[in-house]
Amino acid sequence: MAANFDIEKFACELNEKRFKQRMAWKDVAEVAGISNATMSRVCRRYRPDVDTAAKLIVWLEKPFERFISLGDK
């Protein structure tokens, strides 16, 4: 069984919370403690490194497991 990080779900949930809080992406980056460039890459569905993902998951206030999909591959 393979486990994959669901970047699509992750990016959508980031955008949803950002929109609800009326924040710009640069504000999310600042609060999460990541660079604007890194935030931009995540928004474009590039998989973040584990430290970046952790910081953004803390900001989302969601469990990490929410963004893991299990498959047969």
N, C-alpha and C. Protein backbone atom coordinates (compact mmCIF):
# COMPACT_ATOMS: atom_id res chain seq x y z
N MET A 1 0.85 -1.18 0.00
CA MET A 1 0.00 0.00 0.00
C MET A 1 0.90 1.24 0.00
N ALA A 2 0.55 2.19 -0.82
CA ALA A 2 1.33 3.43 -0.93
C ALA A 2 0.56 4.57 -0.27
N ALA A 3 1.30 5.49 0.30
CA ALA A 3 0.71 6.69 0.87
C ALA A 3 1.25 7.90 0.11
N ASN A 4 0.37 8.81 -0.25
CA ASN A 4 0.75 10.00 -1.00
C ASN A 4 0.19 11.24 -0.35
N PHE A 5 0.97 12.32 -0.41
CA PHE A 5 0.51 13.61 0.07
C PHE A 5 -0.43 14.19 -0.98
N ASP A 6 -1.65 14.54 -0.57
CA ASP A 6 -2.67 15.06 -1.48
C ASP A 6 -2.52 16.58 -1.60
N ILE A 7 -1.65 17.01 -2.51
CA ILE A 7 -1.35 18.43 -2.68
C ILE A 7 -2.57 19.21 -3.14
N GLU A 8 -3.42 18.60 -3.93
CA GLU A 8 -4.62 19.29 -4.41
C GLU A 8 -5.54 19.64 -3.23
N LYS A 9 -5.81 18.67 -2.39
CA LYS A 9 -6.65 18.90 -1.21
C LYS A 9 -6.00 19.93 -0.29
N PHE A 10 -4.70 19.79 -0.10
CA PHE A 10 -3.95 20.69 0.77
C PHE A 10 -4.06 22.13 0.27
N ALA A 11 -3.79 22.35 -1.00
CA ALA A 11 -3.84 23.69 -1.58
C ALA A 11 -5.25 24.27 -1.53
N CYS A 12 -6.24 23.44 -1.79
CA CYS A 12 -7.64 23.91 -1.74
C CYS A 12 -8.04 24.34 -0.33
N GLU A 13 -7.63 23.56 0.65
CA GLU A 13 -7.97 23.92 2.03
C GLU A 13 -7.21 25.16 2.50
N LEU A 14 -5.98 25.31 2.04
CA LEU A 14 -5.24 26.54 2.34
C LEU A 14 -5.98 27.75 1.76
N ASN A 15 -6.38 27.63 0.51
CA ASN A 15 -7.07 28.74 -0.15
C ASN A 15 -8.40 29.04 0.52
N GLU A 16 -9.12 28.01 0.91
CA GLU A 16 -10.42 28.20 1.56
C GLU A 16 -10.26 28.98 2.87
N LYS A 17 -9.30 28.58 3.69
CA LYS A 17 -9.09 29.29 4.97
C LYS A 17 -8.60 30.71 4.72
N ARG A 18 -7.69 30.86 3.76
CA ARG A 18 -7.18 32.19 3.43
C ARG A 18 -8.32 33.11 3.00
N PHE A 19 -9.21 32.60 2.17
CA PHE A 19 -10.34 33.38 1.68
C PHE A 19 -11.27 33.75 2.83
N LYS A 20 -11.58 32.79 3.69
CA LYS A 20 -12.49 33.04 4.83
C LYS A 20 -11.91 34.09 5.78
N GLN A 21 -10.59 34.09 5.91
CA GLN A 21 -9.95 35.04 6.82
C GLN A 21 -9.55 36.34 6.11
N ARG A 22 -9.87 36.42 4.82
CA ARG A 22 -9.58 37.61 4.02
C ARG A 22 -8.10 37.99 4.09
N MET A 23 -7.27 36.98 3.86
CA MET A 23 -5.83 37.17 3.91
C MET A 23 -5.25 37.06 2.51
N ALA A 24 -4.17 37.77 2.28
CA ALA A 24 -3.38 37.60 1.06
C ALA A 24 -2.42 36.44 1.29
N TRP A 25 -1.94 35.83 0.21
CA TRP A 25 -0.99 34.73 0.35
C TRP A 25 0.26 35.16 1.11
N LYS A 26 0.70 36.39 0.89
CA LYS A 26 1.90 36.85 1.61
C LYS A 26 1.66 36.91 3.11
N ASP A 27 0.42 37.19 3.51
CA ASP A 27 0.08 37.20 4.93
C ASP A 27 0.10 35.79 5.51
N VAL A 28 -0.42 34.84 4.75
CA VAL A 28 -0.39 33.43 5.18
C VAL A 28 1.06 33.00 5.35
N ALA A 29 1.90 33.33 4.37
CA ALA A 29 3.32 32.97 4.44
C ALA A 29 3.97 33.55 5.69
N GLU A 30 3.70 34.80 5.97
CA GLU A 30 4.29 35.45 7.14
C GLU A 30 3.84 34.79 8.43
N VAL A 31 2.55 34.54 8.57
CA VAL A 31 2.02 33.92 9.79
C VAL A 31 2.57 32.50 9.96
N ALA A 32 2.68 31.78 8.85
CA ALA A 32 3.16 30.39 8.91
C ALA A 32 4.68 30.30 9.08
N GLY A 33 5.37 31.38 8.77
CA GLY A 33 6.82 31.37 8.91
C GLY A 33 7.55 30.79 7.71
N ILE A 34 6.99 31.00 6.52
CA ILE A 34 7.64 30.55 5.29
C ILE A 34 7.82 31.73 4.35
N SER A 35 8.63 31.55 3.34
CA SER A 35 8.86 32.64 2.39
C SER A 35 7.68 32.79 1.42
N ASN A 36 7.58 33.98 0.84
CA ASN A 36 6.55 34.21 -0.18
C ASN A 36 6.75 33.29 -1.37
N ALA A 37 8.00 33.06 -1.75
CA ALA A 37 8.30 32.18 -2.89
C ALA A 37 7.83 30.76 -2.62
N THR A 38 8.06 30.28 -1.41
CA THR A 38 7.61 28.94 -1.05
C THR A 38 6.10 28.86 -1.06
N MET A 39 5.45 29.89 -0.54
CA MET A 39 3.99 29.92 -0.53
C MET A 39 3.46 29.89 -1.96
N SER A 40 4.11 30.62 -2.84
CA SER A 40 3.70 30.64 -4.24
C SER A 40 3.80 29.26 -4.87
N ARG A 41 4.86 28.54 -4.57
CA ARG A 41 5.02 27.18 -5.12
C ARG A 41 3.92 26.25 -4.62
N VAL A 42 3.60 26.33 -3.36
CA VAL A 42 2.54 25.49 -2.80
C VAL A 42 1.21 25.82 -3.48
N CYS A 43 0.94 27.10 -3.69
CA CYS A 43 -0.30 27.53 -4.36
C CYS A 43 -0.39 26.97 -5.78
N ARG A 44 0.78 26.77 -6.41
CA ARG A 44 0.82 26.23 -7.77
C ARG A 44 0.91 24.71 -7.78
N ARG A 45 0.62 24.11 -6.62
CA ARG A 45 0.52 22.66 -6.45
C ARG A 45 1.86 21.93 -6.49
N TYR A 46 2.95 22.63 -6.17
CA TYR A 46 4.23 21.95 -5.99
C TYR A 46 4.25 21.38 -4.58
N ARG A 47 4.69 20.15 -4.45
CA ARG A 47 4.71 19.51 -3.13
C ARG A 47 5.73 20.21 -2.23
N PRO A 48 5.29 20.61 -1.04
CA PRO A 48 6.22 21.26 -0.11
C PRO A 48 7.11 20.24 0.59
N ASP A 49 8.23 20.74 1.12
CA ASP A 49 9.05 19.86 1.95
C ASP A 49 8.30 19.64 3.27
N VAL A 50 8.76 18.71 4.06
CA VAL A 50 8.04 18.32 5.27
C VAL A 50 7.93 19.47 6.27
N ASP A 51 8.96 20.31 6.41
CA ASP A 51 8.90 21.42 7.35
C ASP A 51 7.88 22.47 6.92
N THR A 52 7.83 22.75 5.63
CA THR A 52 6.85 23.70 5.11
C THR A 52 5.44 23.16 5.28
N ALA A 53 5.25 21.89 4.94
CA ALA A 53 3.93 21.28 5.11
C ALA A 53 3.50 21.34 6.57
N ALA A 54 4.42 21.06 7.48
CA ALA A 54 4.09 21.09 8.91
C ALA A 54 3.66 22.49 9.34
N LYS A 55 4.38 23.50 8.91
CA LYS A 55 4.04 24.88 9.29
C LYS A 55 2.66 25.26 8.77
N LEU A 56 2.37 24.88 7.54
CA LEU A 56 1.07 25.23 6.96
C LEU A 56 -0.06 24.41 7.56
N ILE A 57 0.21 23.16 7.91
CA ILE A 57 -0.80 22.33 8.56
C ILE A 57 -1.13 22.88 9.95
N VAL A 58 -0.13 23.38 10.65
CA VAL A 58 -0.38 24.03 11.95
C VAL A 58 -1.27 25.25 11.74
N TRP A 59 -0.98 26.05 10.71
CA TRP A 59 -1.80 27.22 10.42
C TRP A 59 -3.23 26.81 10.06
N LEU A 60 -3.38 25.72 9.32
CA LEU A 60 -4.72 25.24 8.96
C LEU A 60 -5.50 24.70 10.15
N GLU A 61 -4.77 24.26 11.17
CA GLU A 61 -5.38 23.64 12.35
C GLU A 61 -6.14 22.37 11.96
N LYS A 62 -5.49 21.58 11.11
CA LYS A 62 -6.05 20.30 10.64
C LYS A 62 -5.03 19.20 10.92
N PRO A 63 -5.50 17.96 11.07
CA PRO A 63 -4.54 16.86 11.27
C PRO A 63 -3.80 16.53 9.97
N PHE A 64 -2.54 16.17 10.10
CA PHE A 64 -1.72 15.82 8.94
C PHE A 64 -2.35 14.70 8.12
N GLU A 65 -2.95 13.74 8.80
CA GLU A 65 -3.52 12.58 8.13
C GLU A 65 -4.60 12.96 7.11
N ARG A 66 -5.19 14.12 7.30
CA ARG A 66 -6.24 14.59 6.38
C ARG A 66 -5.72 14.72 4.95
N PHE A 67 -4.43 14.92 4.81
CA PHE A 67 -3.83 15.18 3.50
C PHE A 67 -3.05 13.99 2.94
N ILE A 68 -3.26 12.82 3.54
CA ILE A 68 -2.61 11.61 3.07
C ILE A 68 -3.66 10.73 2.40
N SER A 69 -3.37 10.32 1.19
CA SER A 69 -4.26 9.38 0.50
C SER A 69 -3.54 8.04 0.39
N LEU A 70 -4.28 6.99 0.61
CA LEU A 70 -3.72 5.64 0.55
C LEU A 70 -4.16 4.99 -0.76
N GLY A 71 -3.24 4.31 -1.40
CA GLY A 71 -3.55 3.63 -2.65
C GLY A 71 -2.78 2.33 -2.76
N ASP A 72 -3.00 1.66 -3.85
CA ASP A 72 -2.36 0.36 -4.08
C ASP A 72 -1.00 0.48 -4.75
N LYS A 73 -0.66 1.66 -5.28
CA LYS A 73 0.59 1.83 -6.03
C LYS A 73 1.76 2.01 -5.13
